[in-house]
């Protein structure tokens, strides 16, 4: 989330070769992607968290897609951290 560049993943970059499915969600349209994801979602919004929330909203009628209060708070904090 929020990067298309493997070097920005830090220690988590070593997980990429072992992943069954790699999805990149980002809001930076000008970055070049060097991760080779199975799914690439780039939307020019204020926050990458917004992209995730929109995807969750699309499946919100599914019970497993319901957010707890803590999860909603963490997503709000993600928007705050990304937009200042």
N, C-alpha and C. Protein backbone atom coordinates (compact mmCIF):
# COMPACT_ATOMS: atom_id res chain seq x y z
N UNK A 1 0.84 -1.18 0.00
CA UNK A 1 0.00 0.00 0.00
C UNK A 1 0.88 1.24 0.00
N UNK A 2 0.55 2.17 -0.87
CA UNK A 2 1.17 3.48 -0.94
C UNK A 2 2.59 3.45 -1.47
N UNK A 3 2.96 2.40 -2.16
CA UNK A 3 4.23 2.40 -2.86
C UNK A 3 4.19 1.41 -4.01
N UNK A 4 4.90 1.75 -5.05
CA UNK A 4 5.08 0.86 -6.20
C UNK A 4 6.54 0.47 -6.33
N UNK A 5 7.33 0.90 -5.37
CA UNK A 5 8.79 0.73 -5.42
C UNK A 5 9.23 -0.23 -4.32
N UNK A 6 9.84 -1.32 -4.73
CA UNK A 6 10.24 -2.37 -3.80
C UNK A 6 11.13 -1.85 -2.67
N UNK A 7 12.00 -0.93 -2.96
CA UNK A 7 12.93 -0.41 -1.96
C UNK A 7 12.22 0.32 -0.81
N UNK A 8 11.01 0.80 -1.05
CA UNK A 8 10.25 1.48 0.00
C UNK A 8 9.54 0.50 0.94
N UNK A 9 9.58 -0.77 0.64
CA UNK A 9 8.93 -1.77 1.49
C UNK A 9 9.78 -2.13 2.70
N UNK A 10 11.03 -1.74 2.69
CA UNK A 10 11.92 -2.05 3.81
C UNK A 10 12.09 -3.56 3.96
N UNK A 11 12.09 -4.05 5.20
CA UNK A 11 12.30 -5.48 5.44
C UNK A 11 11.22 -6.37 4.81
N UNK A 12 10.03 -5.82 4.56
CA UNK A 12 8.95 -6.61 3.97
C UNK A 12 9.21 -6.98 2.51
N UNK A 13 10.17 -6.35 1.87
CA UNK A 13 10.47 -6.65 0.46
C UNK A 13 10.87 -8.11 0.25
N UNK A 14 11.45 -8.74 1.25
CA UNK A 14 11.86 -10.14 1.10
C UNK A 14 10.66 -11.08 0.99
N UNK A 15 9.47 -10.62 1.36
CA UNK A 15 8.27 -11.45 1.27
C UNK A 15 7.74 -11.56 -0.16
N UNK A 16 8.07 -10.59 -1.02
CA UNK A 16 7.49 -10.55 -2.36
C UNK A 16 7.67 -11.85 -3.15
N UNK A 17 8.87 -12.44 -3.21
CA UNK A 17 9.01 -13.68 -4.00
C UNK A 17 8.18 -14.85 -3.47
N UNK A 18 7.74 -14.78 -2.23
CA UNK A 18 7.00 -15.86 -1.61
C UNK A 18 5.48 -15.64 -1.64
N UNK A 19 5.06 -14.49 -2.09
CA UNK A 19 3.63 -14.15 -2.08
C UNK A 19 2.89 -14.89 -3.20
N UNK A 20 1.70 -15.37 -2.88
CA UNK A 20 0.85 -16.01 -3.88
C UNK A 20 0.16 -14.97 -4.75
N UNK A 21 -0.09 -13.80 -4.18
CA UNK A 21 -0.76 -12.72 -4.89
C UNK A 21 -0.22 -11.40 -4.36
N UNK A 22 0.20 -10.52 -5.25
CA UNK A 22 0.71 -9.21 -4.85
C UNK A 22 -0.20 -8.14 -5.44
N UNK A 23 -0.73 -7.31 -4.57
CA UNK A 23 -1.58 -6.19 -4.99
C UNK A 23 -0.92 -4.89 -4.54
N UNK A 24 -0.89 -3.93 -5.44
CA UNK A 24 -0.35 -2.61 -5.13
C UNK A 24 -1.49 -1.61 -5.20
N UNK A 25 -1.69 -0.89 -4.11
CA UNK A 25 -2.68 0.19 -4.04
C UNK A 25 -1.92 1.47 -3.78
N UNK A 26 -2.03 2.42 -4.68
CA UNK A 26 -1.25 3.65 -4.54
C UNK A 26 -2.05 4.82 -5.09
N UNK A 27 -1.66 6.00 -4.67
CA UNK A 27 -2.28 7.22 -5.19
C UNK A 27 -1.26 8.10 -5.89
N UNK A 28 -0.04 7.64 -6.01
CA UNK A 28 1.02 8.37 -6.71
C UNK A 28 1.05 7.89 -8.15
N UNK A 29 0.51 8.68 -9.06
CA UNK A 29 0.42 8.26 -10.46
C UNK A 29 1.74 8.38 -11.20
N UNK A 30 2.67 9.15 -10.69
CA UNK A 30 3.92 9.39 -11.41
C UNK A 30 5.03 8.39 -11.08
N UNK A 31 4.82 7.50 -10.11
CA UNK A 31 5.86 6.54 -9.74
C UNK A 31 5.95 5.42 -10.76
N UNK A 32 7.17 4.92 -10.95
CA UNK A 32 7.35 3.74 -11.78
C UNK A 32 7.31 2.52 -10.87
N UNK A 33 6.64 1.49 -11.31
CA UNK A 33 6.45 0.30 -10.50
C UNK A 33 7.54 -0.73 -10.81
N UNK A 34 8.27 -1.17 -9.78
CA UNK A 34 9.25 -2.24 -9.98
C UNK A 34 8.92 -3.47 -9.12
N UNK A 35 7.65 -3.61 -8.77
CA UNK A 35 7.24 -4.72 -7.91
C UNK A 35 6.64 -5.87 -8.73
N UNK A 36 6.14 -5.66 -9.91
CA UNK A 36 5.47 -6.67 -10.73
C UNK A 36 4.27 -7.29 -10.01
N UNK A 37 3.27 -6.48 -9.71
CA UNK A 37 2.10 -6.99 -8.97
C UNK A 37 1.15 -7.77 -9.86
N UNK A 38 0.35 -8.61 -9.22
CA UNK A 38 -0.75 -9.29 -9.91
C UNK A 38 -1.91 -8.33 -10.11
N UNK A 39 -2.02 -7.38 -9.22
CA UNK A 39 -3.11 -6.40 -9.24
C UNK A 39 -2.51 -5.04 -8.96
N UNK A 40 -2.73 -4.08 -9.86
CA UNK A 40 -2.20 -2.73 -9.70
C UNK A 40 -3.34 -1.74 -9.75
N UNK A 41 -3.59 -1.08 -8.62
CA UNK A 41 -4.66 -0.09 -8.51
C UNK A 41 -4.02 1.25 -8.18
N UNK A 42 -4.10 2.17 -9.12
CA UNK A 42 -3.55 3.52 -8.90
C UNK A 42 -4.66 4.51 -9.17
N UNK A 43 -4.98 5.29 -8.15
CA UNK A 43 -6.00 6.32 -8.28
C UNK A 43 -5.46 7.61 -7.69
N UNK A 44 -5.54 8.70 -8.43
CA UNK A 44 -5.00 9.98 -7.95
C UNK A 44 -5.90 10.63 -6.89
N UNK A 45 -5.88 10.06 -5.70
CA UNK A 45 -6.64 10.60 -4.59
C UNK A 45 -5.67 11.19 -3.57
N UNK A 46 -6.20 11.75 -2.52
CA UNK A 46 -5.34 12.35 -1.50
C UNK A 46 -4.59 11.34 -0.66
N UNK A 47 -5.07 10.09 -0.63
CA UNK A 47 -4.48 9.10 0.25
C UNK A 47 -4.67 7.70 -0.33
N UNK A 48 -3.66 6.85 -0.17
CA UNK A 48 -3.80 5.45 -0.60
C UNK A 48 -4.88 4.75 0.22
N UNK A 49 -5.07 5.18 1.45
CA UNK A 49 -6.12 4.59 2.29
C UNK A 49 -7.49 4.81 1.66
N UNK A 50 -7.68 5.94 1.00
CA UNK A 50 -8.95 6.22 0.32
C UNK A 50 -9.22 5.15 -0.73
N UNK A 51 -8.19 4.74 -1.46
CA UNK A 51 -8.34 3.70 -2.48
C UNK A 51 -8.81 2.40 -1.83
N UNK A 52 -8.22 2.05 -0.70
CA UNK A 52 -8.62 0.84 0.02
C UNK A 52 -10.06 0.93 0.53
N UNK A 53 -10.41 2.08 1.10
CA UNK A 53 -11.76 2.26 1.63
C UNK A 53 -12.80 2.17 0.51
N UNK A 54 -12.49 2.72 -0.65
CA UNK A 54 -13.42 2.61 -1.78
C UNK A 54 -13.60 1.16 -2.20
N UNK A 55 -12.53 0.39 -2.20
CA UNK A 55 -12.63 -1.03 -2.55
C UNK A 55 -13.47 -1.78 -1.50
N UNK A 56 -13.27 -1.46 -0.22
CA UNK A 56 -14.07 -2.06 0.84
C UNK A 56 -15.54 -1.68 0.70
N UNK A 57 -15.79 -0.43 0.33
CA UNK A 57 -17.17 0.03 0.17
C UNK A 57 -17.88 -0.76 -0.94
N UNK A 58 -17.11 -1.13 -1.99
CA UNK A 58 -17.70 -1.89 -3.10
C UNK A 58 -18.19 -3.26 -2.66
N UNK A 59 -17.60 -3.81 -1.60
CA UNK A 59 -18.01 -5.14 -1.12
C UNK A 59 -18.65 -5.04 0.27
N UNK A 60 -19.11 -3.87 0.64
CA UNK A 60 -19.59 -3.63 2.00
C UNK A 60 -20.84 -4.43 2.36
N UNK A 61 -21.54 -5.00 1.38
CA UNK A 61 -22.70 -5.80 1.72
C UNK A 61 -22.32 -7.19 2.22
N UNK A 62 -21.05 -7.54 2.10
CA UNK A 62 -20.58 -8.82 2.62
C UNK A 62 -20.26 -8.69 4.10
N UNK A 63 -20.72 -9.60 4.93
CA UNK A 63 -20.48 -9.49 6.38
C UNK A 63 -18.99 -9.43 6.74
N UNK A 64 -18.16 -10.16 6.01
CA UNK A 64 -16.72 -10.15 6.32
C UNK A 64 -16.03 -8.84 5.95
N UNK A 65 -16.74 -7.98 5.24
CA UNK A 65 -16.17 -6.68 4.86
C UNK A 65 -16.50 -5.58 5.87
N UNK A 66 -17.30 -5.89 6.86
CA UNK A 66 -17.65 -4.90 7.88
C UNK A 66 -16.44 -4.55 8.71
N UNK A 67 -16.25 -3.28 8.98
CA UNK A 67 -15.11 -2.82 9.77
C UNK A 67 -15.50 -2.66 11.23
N UNK A 68 -14.57 -3.01 12.08
CA UNK A 68 -14.77 -2.73 13.50
C UNK A 68 -14.44 -1.26 13.73
N UNK A 69 -14.78 -0.77 14.89
CA UNK A 69 -14.46 0.61 15.24
C UNK A 69 -12.95 0.83 15.21
N UNK A 70 -12.18 -0.14 15.70
CA UNK A 70 -10.72 -0.02 15.70
C UNK A 70 -10.16 0.02 14.28
N UNK A 71 -10.70 -0.83 13.39
CA UNK A 71 -10.24 -0.83 12.00
C UNK A 71 -10.56 0.48 11.31
N UNK A 72 -11.76 1.01 11.54
CA UNK A 72 -12.14 2.29 10.95
C UNK A 72 -11.24 3.41 11.46
N UNK A 73 -10.89 3.36 12.73
CA UNK A 73 -10.00 4.37 13.31
C UNK A 73 -8.61 4.29 12.67
N UNK A 74 -8.10 3.07 12.47
CA UNK A 74 -6.80 2.91 11.84
C UNK A 74 -6.80 3.43 10.40
N UNK A 75 -7.89 3.18 9.68
CA UNK A 75 -7.98 3.71 8.32
C UNK A 75 -8.04 5.24 8.33
N UNK A 76 -8.76 5.80 9.26
CA UNK A 76 -8.80 7.28 9.38
C UNK A 76 -7.42 7.82 9.69
N UNK A 77 -6.70 7.14 10.54
CA UNK A 77 -5.32 7.57 10.85
C UNK A 77 -4.42 7.45 9.64
N UNK A 78 -4.65 6.43 8.79
CA UNK A 78 -3.90 6.30 7.56
C UNK A 78 -4.12 7.48 6.63
N UNK A 79 -5.37 7.93 6.53
CA UNK A 79 -5.67 9.11 5.71
C UNK A 79 -4.98 10.34 6.30
N UNK A 80 -5.05 10.47 7.60
CA UNK A 80 -4.42 11.61 8.27
C UNK A 80 -2.90 11.61 8.06
N UNK A 81 -2.29 10.45 8.18
CA UNK A 81 -0.83 10.37 8.02
C UNK A 81 -0.42 10.66 6.58
N UNK A 82 -1.24 10.28 5.63
CA UNK A 82 -0.88 10.46 4.22
C UNK A 82 -1.15 11.88 3.72
N UNK A 83 -2.08 12.56 4.34
CA UNK A 83 -2.45 13.89 3.83
C UNK A 83 -1.99 15.03 4.73
N UNK A 84 -1.54 14.69 5.94
CA UNK A 84 -1.07 15.73 6.85
C UNK A 84 -2.22 16.38 7.52
